[in-house]
ModelCIF file with pLDDT and N, C-alpha, C, O atoms, coordinates in Angstrom:
data_MODEL
#
_entry.id   MODEL 
#
_entity.id                         1 
_entity.type                       polymer 
_entity.pdbx_number_of_molecules   1 
#
_entity_poly.entity_id                      1 
_entity_poly.type                           'polypeptide(L)' 
_entity_poly.nstd_linkage                   no 
_entity_poly.nstd_monomer                   no 
_entity_poly.pdbx_seq_one_letter_code       VSTGQIHDFAHGVHDIRNRLIRLIGHPEQRYQEDPVRMLRAI 
_entity_poly.pdbx_seq_one_letter_code_can   VSTGQIHDFAHGVHDIRNRLIRLIGHPEQRYQEDPVRMLRAI 
_entity_poly.pdbx_strand_id                 A 
#
loop_
_entity_poly_seq.entity_id 
_entity_poly_seq.num 
_entity_poly_seq.mon_id 
_entity_poly_seq.hetero 
1 1  VAL n 
1 2  SER n 
1 3  THR n 
1 4  GLY n 
1 5  GLN n 
1 6  ILE n 
1 7  HIS n 
1 8  ASP n 
1 9  PHE n 
1 10 ALA n 
1 11 HIS n 
1 12 GLY n 
1 13 VAL n 
1 14 HIS n 
1 15 ASP n 
1 16 ILE n 
1 17 ARG n 
1 18 ASN n 
1 19 ARG n 
1 20 LEU n 
1 21 ILE n 
1 22 ARG n 
1 23 LEU n 
1 24 ILE n 
1 25 GLY n 
1 26 HIS n 
1 27 PRO n 
1 28 GLU n 
1 29 GLN n 
1 30 ARG n 
1 31 TYR n 
1 32 GLN n 
1 33 GLU n 
1 34 ASP n 
1 35 PRO n 
1 36 VAL n 
1 37 ARG n 
1 38 MET n 
1 39 LEU n 
1 40 ARG n 
1 41 ALA n 
1 42 ILE n 
#
_struct_asym.id          A 
_struct_asym.entity_id   1 
#
loop_
_ma_qa_metric.id 
_ma_qa_metric.mode 
_ma_qa_metric.name 
_ma_qa_metric.software_group_id 
_ma_qa_metric.type 
1 global pLDDT . pLDDT 
2 local  pLDDT . pLDDT 
#
_ma_qa_metric_global.metric_id      1 
_ma_qa_metric_global.metric_value   94.81 
_ma_qa_metric_global.model_id       1 
_ma_qa_metric_global.ordinal_id     1 
#
loop_
_ma_qa_metric_local.label_asym_id 
_ma_qa_metric_local.label_comp_id 
_ma_qa_metric_local.label_seq_id 
_ma_qa_metric_local.metric_id 
_ma_qa_metric_local.metric_value 
_ma_qa_metric_local.model_id 
_ma_qa_metric_local.ordinal_id 
A VAL 1  2 95.00 1 1  
A SER 2  2 93.00 1 2  
A THR 3  2 93.00 1 3  
A GLY 4  2 94.00 1 4  
A GLN 5  2 94.00 1 5  
A ILE 6  2 95.00 1 6  
A HIS 7  2 95.00 1 7  
A ASP 8  2 94.00 1 8  
A PHE 9  2 89.00 1 9  
A ALA 10 2 91.00 1 10 
A HIS 11 2 92.00 1 11 
A GLY 12 2 94.00 1 12 
A VAL 13 2 94.00 1 13 
A HIS 14 2 94.00 1 14 
A ASP 15 2 96.00 1 15 
A ILE 16 2 96.00 1 16 
A ARG 17 2 94.00 1 17 
A ASN 18 2 96.00 1 18 
A ARG 19 2 97.00 1 19 
A LEU 20 2 97.00 1 20 
A ILE 21 2 98.00 1 21 
A ARG 22 2 97.00 1 22 
A LEU 23 2 97.00 1 23 
A ILE 24 2 95.00 1 24 
A GLY 25 2 92.00 1 25 
A HIS 26 2 94.00 1 26 
A PRO 27 2 96.00 1 27 
A GLU 28 2 95.00 1 28 
A GLN 29 2 92.00 1 29 
A ARG 30 2 94.00 1 30 
A TYR 31 2 96.00 1 31 
A GLN 32 2 94.00 1 32 
A GLU 33 2 90.00 1 33 
A ASP 34 2 93.00 1 34 
A PRO 35 2 96.00 1 35 
A VAL 36 2 96.00 1 36 
A ARG 37 2 96.00 1 37 
A MET 38 2 98.00 1 38 
A LEU 39 2 98.00 1 39 
A ARG 40 2 97.00 1 40 
A ALA 41 2 97.00 1 41 
A ILE 42 2 98.00 1 42 
#
loop_
_atom_site.group_PDB 
_atom_site.id 
_atom_site.type_symbol 
_atom_site.label_atom_id 
_atom_site.label_alt_id 
_atom_site.label_comp_id 
_atom_site.label_asym_id 
_atom_site.label_entity_id 
_atom_site.label_seq_id 
_atom_site.pdbx_PDB_ins_code 
_atom_site.Cartn_x 
_atom_site.Cartn_y 
_atom_site.Cartn_z 
_atom_site.occupancy 
_atom_site.B_iso_or_equiv 
_atom_site.pdbx_formal_charge 
_atom_site.auth_seq_id 
_atom_site.auth_comp_id 
_atom_site.auth_asym_id 
_atom_site.auth_atom_id 
_atom_site.pdbx_PDB_model_num 
ATOM 1   N N  . VAL A 1 1  ? 15.201 -28.169 5.935   1.00 95.00 ? 1  VAL A N  1 
ATOM 2   C CA . VAL A 1 1  ? 14.279 -28.808 7.078   1.00 95.00 ? 1  VAL A CA 1 
ATOM 3   C C  . VAL A 1 1  ? 14.378 -30.674 6.857   1.00 95.00 ? 1  VAL A C  1 
ATOM 4   O O  . VAL A 1 1  ? 13.723 -31.294 7.695   1.00 95.00 ? 1  VAL A O  1 
ATOM 5   N N  . SER A 1 2  ? 14.868 -31.228 6.180   1.00 93.00 ? 2  SER A N  1 
ATOM 6   C CA . SER A 1 2  ? 15.798 -32.217 6.652   1.00 93.00 ? 2  SER A CA 1 
ATOM 7   C C  . SER A 1 2  ? 16.149 -32.220 7.319   1.00 93.00 ? 2  SER A C  1 
ATOM 8   O O  . SER A 1 2  ? 15.701 -32.479 8.436   1.00 93.00 ? 2  SER A O  1 
ATOM 9   N N  . THR A 1 3  ? 17.343 -31.877 6.938   1.00 93.00 ? 3  THR A N  1 
ATOM 10  C CA . THR A 1 3  ? 18.358 -32.319 8.589   1.00 93.00 ? 3  THR A CA 1 
ATOM 11  C C  . THR A 1 3  ? 18.794 -30.996 9.383   1.00 93.00 ? 3  THR A C  1 
ATOM 12  O O  . THR A 1 3  ? 19.747 -31.062 10.160  1.00 93.00 ? 3  THR A O  1 
ATOM 13  N N  . GLY A 1 4  ? 17.936 -29.515 9.145   1.00 94.00 ? 4  GLY A N  1 
ATOM 14  C CA . GLY A 1 4  ? 18.311 -28.796 9.903   1.00 94.00 ? 4  GLY A CA 1 
ATOM 15  C C  . GLY A 1 4  ? 19.471 -27.564 10.088  1.00 94.00 ? 4  GLY A C  1 
ATOM 16  O O  . GLY A 1 4  ? 19.882 -26.749 10.914  1.00 94.00 ? 4  GLY A O  1 
ATOM 17  N N  . GLN A 1 5  ? 19.698 -28.064 8.641   1.00 94.00 ? 5  GLN A N  1 
ATOM 18  C CA . GLN A 1 5  ? 21.838 -27.420 8.311   1.00 94.00 ? 5  GLN A CA 1 
ATOM 19  C C  . GLN A 1 5  ? 20.928 -26.194 7.906   1.00 94.00 ? 5  GLN A C  1 
ATOM 20  O O  . GLN A 1 5  ? 19.795 -26.120 7.429   1.00 94.00 ? 5  GLN A O  1 
ATOM 21  N N  . ILE A 1 6  ? 22.255 -24.883 8.438   1.00 95.00 ? 6  ILE A N  1 
ATOM 22  C CA . ILE A 1 6  ? 22.255 -23.833 7.238   1.00 95.00 ? 6  ILE A CA 1 
ATOM 23  C C  . ILE A 1 6  ? 23.718 -23.726 6.130   1.00 95.00 ? 6  ILE A C  1 
ATOM 24  O O  . ILE A 1 6  ? 24.871 -24.141 6.016   1.00 95.00 ? 6  ILE A O  1 
ATOM 25  N N  . HIS A 1 7  ? 23.016 -23.126 5.673   1.00 95.00 ? 7  HIS A N  1 
ATOM 26  C CA . HIS A 1 7  ? 23.842 -23.223 4.455   1.00 95.00 ? 7  HIS A CA 1 
ATOM 27  C C  . HIS A 1 7  ? 24.231 -22.301 4.395   1.00 95.00 ? 7  HIS A C  1 
ATOM 28  O O  . HIS A 1 7  ? 23.405 -21.404 4.567   1.00 95.00 ? 7  HIS A O  1 
ATOM 29  N N  . ASP A 1 8  ? 26.196 -21.708 4.029   1.00 94.00 ? 8  ASP A N  1 
ATOM 30  C CA . ASP A 1 8  ? 25.895 -19.707 4.414   1.00 94.00 ? 8  ASP A CA 1 
ATOM 31  C C  . ASP A 1 8  ? 26.929 -19.774 3.251   1.00 94.00 ? 8  ASP A C  1 
ATOM 32  O O  . ASP A 1 8  ? 27.770 -20.674 3.265   1.00 94.00 ? 8  ASP A O  1 
ATOM 33  N N  . PHE A 1 9  ? 26.901 -18.910 2.304   1.00 89.00 ? 9  PHE A N  1 
ATOM 34  C CA . PHE A 1 9  ? 28.182 -19.433 1.330   1.00 89.00 ? 9  PHE A CA 1 
ATOM 35  C C  . PHE A 1 9  ? 28.144 -17.761 1.108   1.00 89.00 ? 9  PHE A C  1 
ATOM 36  O O  . PHE A 1 9  ? 28.314 -17.526 -0.088  1.00 89.00 ? 9  PHE A O  1 
ATOM 37  N N  . ALA A 1 10 ? 28.013 -16.823 1.711   1.00 91.00 ? 10 ALA A N  1 
ATOM 38  C CA . ALA A 1 10 ? 28.471 -15.062 2.395   1.00 91.00 ? 10 ALA A CA 1 
ATOM 39  C C  . ALA A 1 10 ? 28.556 -14.889 3.662   1.00 91.00 ? 10 ALA A C  1 
ATOM 40  O O  . ALA A 1 10 ? 27.879 -13.989 4.159   1.00 91.00 ? 10 ALA A O  1 
ATOM 41  N N  . HIS A 1 11 ? 29.394 -15.694 4.490   1.00 92.00 ? 11 HIS A N  1 
ATOM 42  C CA . HIS A 1 11 ? 29.387 -14.768 5.625   1.00 92.00 ? 11 HIS A CA 1 
ATOM 43  C C  . HIS A 1 11 ? 28.613 -14.152 5.696   1.00 92.00 ? 11 HIS A C  1 
ATOM 44  O O  . HIS A 1 11 ? 28.808 -13.006 6.101   1.00 92.00 ? 11 HIS A O  1 
ATOM 45  N N  . GLY A 1 12 ? 27.095 -14.663 5.278   1.00 94.00 ? 12 GLY A N  1 
ATOM 46  C CA . GLY A 1 12 ? 26.009 -14.161 6.387   1.00 94.00 ? 12 GLY A CA 1 
ATOM 47  C C  . GLY A 1 12 ? 25.627 -14.600 7.688   1.00 94.00 ? 12 GLY A C  1 
ATOM 48  O O  . GLY A 1 12 ? 24.808 -13.845 8.213   1.00 94.00 ? 12 GLY A O  1 
ATOM 49  N N  . VAL A 1 13 ? 25.887 -15.357 8.212   1.00 94.00 ? 13 VAL A N  1 
ATOM 50  C CA . VAL A 1 13 ? 25.467 -15.637 9.998   1.00 94.00 ? 13 VAL A CA 1 
ATOM 51  C C  . VAL A 1 13 ? 26.829 -14.680 10.614  1.00 94.00 ? 13 VAL A C  1 
ATOM 52  O O  . VAL A 1 13 ? 26.889 -13.997 11.635  1.00 94.00 ? 13 VAL A O  1 
ATOM 53  N N  . HIS A 1 14 ? 27.631 -14.884 9.787   1.00 94.00 ? 14 HIS A N  1 
ATOM 54  C CA . HIS A 1 14 ? 29.285 -13.777 10.576  1.00 94.00 ? 14 HIS A CA 1 
ATOM 55  C C  . HIS A 1 14 ? 28.879 -11.981 10.563  1.00 94.00 ? 14 HIS A C  1 
ATOM 56  O O  . HIS A 1 14 ? 29.517 -11.270 11.340  1.00 94.00 ? 14 HIS A O  1 
ATOM 57  N N  . ASP A 1 15 ? 27.906 -11.392 9.736   1.00 96.00 ? 15 ASP A N  1 
ATOM 58  C CA . ASP A 1 15 ? 26.898 -10.192 9.141   1.00 96.00 ? 15 ASP A CA 1 
ATOM 59  C C  . ASP A 1 15 ? 25.929 -10.168 10.404  1.00 96.00 ? 15 ASP A C  1 
ATOM 60  O O  . ASP A 1 15 ? 26.049 -9.280  11.249  1.00 96.00 ? 15 ASP A O  1 
ATOM 61  N N  . ILE A 1 16 ? 25.084 -11.043 10.499  1.00 96.00 ? 16 ILE A N  1 
ATOM 62  C CA . ILE A 1 16 ? 23.506 -10.579 11.163  1.00 96.00 ? 16 ILE A CA 1 
ATOM 63  C C  . ILE A 1 16 ? 24.783 -10.523 13.184  1.00 96.00 ? 16 ILE A C  1 
ATOM 64  O O  . ILE A 1 16 ? 24.553 -9.775  14.134  1.00 96.00 ? 16 ILE A O  1 
ATOM 65  N N  . ARG A 1 17 ? 26.123 -11.754 13.073  1.00 94.00 ? 17 ARG A N  1 
ATOM 66  C CA . ARG A 1 17 ? 26.235 -11.307 14.631  1.00 94.00 ? 17 ARG A CA 1 
ATOM 67  C C  . ARG A 1 17 ? 26.734 -9.951  15.245  1.00 94.00 ? 17 ARG A C  1 
ATOM 68  O O  . ARG A 1 17 ? 26.900 -9.379  16.323  1.00 94.00 ? 17 ARG A O  1 
ATOM 69  N N  . ASN A 1 18 ? 26.878 -9.784  13.809  1.00 96.00 ? 18 ASN A N  1 
ATOM 70  C CA . ASN A 1 18 ? 28.156 -8.158  13.521  1.00 96.00 ? 18 ASN A CA 1 
ATOM 71  C C  . ASN A 1 18 ? 27.227 -6.260  13.425  1.00 96.00 ? 18 ASN A C  1 
ATOM 72  O O  . ASN A 1 18 ? 27.509 -5.067  13.533  1.00 96.00 ? 18 ASN A O  1 
ATOM 73  N N  . ARG A 1 19 ? 25.608 -7.518  13.057  1.00 97.00 ? 19 ARG A N  1 
ATOM 74  C CA . ARG A 1 19 ? 24.460 -6.573  13.091  1.00 97.00 ? 19 ARG A CA 1 
ATOM 75  C C  . ARG A 1 19 ? 25.442 -5.543  11.429  1.00 97.00 ? 19 ARG A C  1 
ATOM 76  O O  . ARG A 1 19 ? 26.179 -4.558  11.424  1.00 97.00 ? 19 ARG A O  1 
ATOM 77  N N  . LEU A 1 20 ? 25.045 -6.218  10.579  1.00 97.00 ? 20 LEU A N  1 
ATOM 78  C CA . LEU A 1 20 ? 25.922 -5.676  9.410   1.00 97.00 ? 20 LEU A CA 1 
ATOM 79  C C  . LEU A 1 20 ? 24.903 -5.492  7.807   1.00 97.00 ? 20 LEU A C  1 
ATOM 80  O O  . LEU A 1 20 ? 24.921 -6.536  7.154   1.00 97.00 ? 20 LEU A O  1 
ATOM 81  N N  . ILE A 1 21 ? 24.263 -4.604  7.306   1.00 98.00 ? 21 ILE A N  1 
ATOM 82  C CA . ILE A 1 21 ? 24.022 -5.487  6.332   1.00 98.00 ? 21 ILE A CA 1 
ATOM 83  C C  . ILE A 1 21 ? 25.016 -4.805  5.013   1.00 98.00 ? 21 ILE A C  1 
ATOM 84  O O  . ILE A 1 21 ? 25.291 -3.608  4.930   1.00 98.00 ? 21 ILE A O  1 
ATOM 85  N N  . ARG A 1 22 ? 25.367 -5.642  4.246   1.00 97.00 ? 22 ARG A N  1 
ATOM 86  C CA . ARG A 1 22 ? 26.349 -6.157  3.420   1.00 97.00 ? 22 ARG A CA 1 
ATOM 87  C C  . ARG A 1 22 ? 26.107 -6.411  2.311   1.00 97.00 ? 22 ARG A C  1 
ATOM 88  O O  . ARG A 1 22 ? 25.221 -7.258  2.427   1.00 97.00 ? 22 ARG A O  1 
ATOM 89  N N  . LEU A 1 23 ? 26.446 -6.126  0.268   1.00 97.00 ? 23 LEU A N  1 
ATOM 90  C CA . LEU A 1 23 ? 26.656 -6.126  0.006   1.00 97.00 ? 23 LEU A CA 1 
ATOM 91  C C  . LEU A 1 23 ? 26.873 -7.929  -0.618  1.00 97.00 ? 23 LEU A C  1 
ATOM 92  O O  . LEU A 1 23 ? 27.255 -8.720  0.244   1.00 97.00 ? 23 LEU A O  1 
ATOM 93  N N  . ILE A 1 24 ? 26.706 -8.313  -1.590  1.00 95.00 ? 24 ILE A N  1 
ATOM 94  C CA . ILE A 1 24 ? 27.330 -9.471  -2.626  1.00 95.00 ? 24 ILE A CA 1 
ATOM 95  C C  . ILE A 1 24 ? 28.078 -8.981  -3.283  1.00 95.00 ? 24 ILE A C  1 
ATOM 96  O O  . ILE A 1 24 ? 27.441 -8.108  -3.872  1.00 95.00 ? 24 ILE A O  1 
ATOM 97  N N  . GLY A 1 25 ? 29.013 -8.955  -3.583  1.00 92.00 ? 25 GLY A N  1 
ATOM 98  C CA . GLY A 1 25 ? 29.655 -8.355  -4.686  1.00 92.00 ? 25 GLY A CA 1 
ATOM 99  C C  . GLY A 1 25 ? 30.198 -7.232  -4.898  1.00 92.00 ? 25 GLY A C  1 
ATOM 100 O O  . GLY A 1 25 ? 30.804 -6.538  -4.082  1.00 92.00 ? 25 GLY A O  1 
ATOM 101 N N  . HIS A 1 26 ? 29.899 -6.929  -6.521  1.00 94.00 ? 26 HIS A N  1 
ATOM 102 C CA . HIS A 1 26 ? 30.540 -5.727  -6.787  1.00 94.00 ? 26 HIS A CA 1 
ATOM 103 C C  . HIS A 1 26 ? 29.433 -3.989  -6.437  1.00 94.00 ? 26 HIS A C  1 
ATOM 104 O O  . HIS A 1 26 ? 28.766 -3.513  -7.356  1.00 94.00 ? 26 HIS A O  1 
ATOM 105 N N  . PRO A 1 27 ? 29.473 -3.213  -4.796  1.00 96.00 ? 27 PRO A N  1 
ATOM 106 C CA . PRO A 1 27 ? 28.614 -2.418  -4.840  1.00 96.00 ? 27 PRO A CA 1 
ATOM 107 C C  . PRO A 1 27 ? 27.916 -1.542  -6.317  1.00 96.00 ? 27 PRO A C  1 
ATOM 108 O O  . PRO A 1 27 ? 26.753 -1.409  -6.700  1.00 96.00 ? 27 PRO A O  1 
ATOM 109 N N  . GLU A 1 28 ? 28.737 -1.243  -6.662  1.00 95.00 ? 28 GLU A N  1 
ATOM 110 C CA . GLU A 1 28 ? 28.204 0.081   -7.677  1.00 95.00 ? 28 GLU A CA 1 
ATOM 111 C C  . GLU A 1 28 ? 27.035 -1.225  -8.707  1.00 95.00 ? 28 GLU A C  1 
ATOM 112 O O  . GLU A 1 28 ? 25.853 -1.135  -9.038  1.00 95.00 ? 28 GLU A O  1 
ATOM 113 N N  . GLN A 1 29 ? 28.115 -2.374  -8.942  1.00 92.00 ? 29 GLN A N  1 
ATOM 114 C CA . GLN A 1 29 ? 27.043 -2.584  -10.190 1.00 92.00 ? 29 GLN A CA 1 
ATOM 115 C C  . GLN A 1 29 ? 26.514 -3.954  -9.544  1.00 92.00 ? 29 GLN A C  1 
ATOM 116 O O  . GLN A 1 29 ? 26.608 -5.000  -10.187 1.00 92.00 ? 29 GLN A O  1 
ATOM 117 N N  . ARG A 1 30 ? 25.759 -3.915  -7.809  1.00 94.00 ? 30 ARG A N  1 
ATOM 118 C CA . ARG A 1 30 ? 24.477 -4.745  -7.775  1.00 94.00 ? 30 ARG A CA 1 
ATOM 119 C C  . ARG A 1 30 ? 23.971 -3.727  -7.308  1.00 94.00 ? 30 ARG A C  1 
ATOM 120 O O  . ARG A 1 30 ? 23.022 -4.059  -6.598  1.00 94.00 ? 30 ARG A O  1 
ATOM 121 N N  . TYR A 1 31 ? 24.165 -2.180  -7.346  1.00 96.00 ? 31 TYR A N  1 
ATOM 122 C CA . TYR A 1 31 ? 23.124 -1.119  -7.187  1.00 96.00 ? 31 TYR A CA 1 
ATOM 123 C C  . TYR A 1 31 ? 22.679 -0.917  -8.462  1.00 96.00 ? 31 TYR A C  1 
ATOM 124 O O  . TYR A 1 31 ? 21.652 -0.246  -8.566  1.00 96.00 ? 31 TYR A O  1 
ATOM 125 N N  . GLN A 1 32 ? 23.253 -1.376  -9.577  1.00 94.00 ? 32 GLN A N  1 
ATOM 126 C CA . GLN A 1 32 ? 22.994 -0.883  -11.430 1.00 94.00 ? 32 GLN A CA 1 
ATOM 127 C C  . GLN A 1 32 ? 22.040 -1.227  -11.405 1.00 94.00 ? 32 GLN A C  1 
ATOM 128 O O  . GLN A 1 32 ? 20.994 -0.586  -11.301 1.00 94.00 ? 32 GLN A O  1 
ATOM 129 N N  . GLU A 1 33 ? 22.325 -3.086  -11.560 1.00 90.00 ? 33 GLU A N  1 
ATOM 130 C CA . GLU A 1 33 ? 21.812 -3.677  -11.759 1.00 90.00 ? 33 GLU A CA 1 
ATOM 131 C C  . GLU A 1 33 ? 19.981 -3.459  -11.509 1.00 90.00 ? 33 GLU A C  1 
ATOM 132 O O  . GLU A 1 33 ? 19.077 -3.637  -12.326 1.00 90.00 ? 33 GLU A O  1 
ATOM 133 N N  . ASP A 1 34 ? 19.920 -3.096  -10.325 1.00 93.00 ? 34 ASP A N  1 
ATOM 134 C CA . ASP A 1 34 ? 18.598 -2.940  -8.748  1.00 93.00 ? 34 ASP A CA 1 
ATOM 135 C C  . ASP A 1 34 ? 19.399 -2.148  -8.376  1.00 93.00 ? 34 ASP A C  1 
ATOM 136 O O  . ASP A 1 34 ? 20.491 -2.112  -7.809  1.00 93.00 ? 34 ASP A O  1 
ATOM 137 N N  . PRO A 1 35 ? 18.496 -1.354  -8.891  1.00 96.00 ? 35 PRO A N  1 
ATOM 138 C CA . PRO A 1 35 ? 19.216 0.675   -7.471  1.00 96.00 ? 35 PRO A CA 1 
ATOM 139 C C  . PRO A 1 35 ? 18.011 0.169   -6.794  1.00 96.00 ? 35 PRO A C  1 
ATOM 140 O O  . PRO A 1 35 ? 17.911 1.012   -5.902  1.00 96.00 ? 35 PRO A O  1 
ATOM 141 N N  . VAL A 1 36 ? 16.959 -0.704  -6.609  1.00 96.00 ? 36 VAL A N  1 
ATOM 142 C CA . VAL A 1 36 ? 15.427 -0.287  -5.713  1.00 96.00 ? 36 VAL A CA 1 
ATOM 143 C C  . VAL A 1 36 ? 17.167 -1.578  -3.916  1.00 96.00 ? 36 VAL A C  1 
ATOM 144 O O  . VAL A 1 36 ? 17.333 -1.693  -2.702  1.00 96.00 ? 36 VAL A O  1 
ATOM 145 N N  . ARG A 1 37 ? 17.660 -1.955  -4.983  1.00 96.00 ? 37 ARG A N  1 
ATOM 146 C CA . ARG A 1 37 ? 18.859 -2.736  -3.778  1.00 96.00 ? 37 ARG A CA 1 
ATOM 147 C C  . ARG A 1 37 ? 18.851 -1.291  -2.673  1.00 96.00 ? 37 ARG A C  1 
ATOM 148 O O  . ARG A 1 37 ? 18.845 -1.627  -1.489  1.00 96.00 ? 37 ARG A O  1 
ATOM 149 N N  . MET A 1 38 ? 18.851 0.423   -2.950  1.00 98.00 ? 38 MET A N  1 
ATOM 150 C CA . MET A 1 38 ? 19.748 0.542   -2.689  1.00 98.00 ? 38 MET A CA 1 
ATOM 151 C C  . MET A 1 38 ? 18.437 1.345   -1.515  1.00 98.00 ? 38 MET A C  1 
ATOM 152 O O  . MET A 1 38 ? 19.051 2.067   -0.729  1.00 98.00 ? 38 MET A O  1 
ATOM 153 N N  . LEU A 1 39 ? 17.457 1.370   -1.338  1.00 98.00 ? 39 LEU A N  1 
ATOM 154 C CA . LEU A 1 39 ? 15.982 0.894   -0.723  1.00 98.00 ? 39 LEU A CA 1 
ATOM 155 C C  . LEU A 1 39 ? 15.951 -0.311  0.206   1.00 98.00 ? 39 LEU A C  1 
ATOM 156 O O  . LEU A 1 39 ? 15.295 -0.266  1.247   1.00 98.00 ? 39 LEU A O  1 
ATOM 157 N N  . ARG A 1 40 ? 16.505 -1.166  -0.076  1.00 97.00 ? 40 ARG A N  1 
ATOM 158 C CA . ARG A 1 40 ? 16.124 -2.334  0.515   1.00 97.00 ? 40 ARG A CA 1 
ATOM 159 C C  . ARG A 1 40 ? 17.852 -1.758  1.990   1.00 97.00 ? 40 ARG A C  1 
ATOM 160 O O  . ARG A 1 40 ? 17.691 -1.366  3.145   1.00 97.00 ? 40 ARG A O  1 
ATOM 161 N N  . ALA A 1 41 ? 18.654 -1.878  1.553   1.00 97.00 ? 41 ALA A N  1 
ATOM 162 C CA . ALA A 1 41 ? 19.444 -1.377  2.133   1.00 97.00 ? 41 ALA A CA 1 
ATOM 163 C C  . ALA A 1 41 ? 19.095 -0.524  3.454   1.00 97.00 ? 41 ALA A C  1 
ATOM 164 O O  . ALA A 1 41 ? 19.246 -0.726  4.659   1.00 97.00 ? 41 ALA A O  1 
ATOM 165 N N  . ILE A 1 42 ? 18.660 0.324   2.823   1.00 98.00 ? 42 ILE A N  1 
ATOM 166 C CA . ILE A 1 42 ? 17.844 1.599   3.806   1.00 98.00 ? 42 ILE A CA 1 
ATOM 167 C C  . ILE A 1 42 ? 16.864 0.253   5.382   1.00 98.00 ? 42 ILE A C  1 
ATOM 168 O O  . ILE A 1 42 ? 16.184 0.748   6.280   1.00 98.00 ? 42 ILE A O  1 
#
């Protein structure tokens, strides 16, 4: 809020522009960590 800058570590802006839902990291591992992420993707 102090500079108005957006920090993007994971190509999020690219995926917003291309209208894509993409997990960060290995999909199987991330879903195992929290299976609710499958519902969030939907």
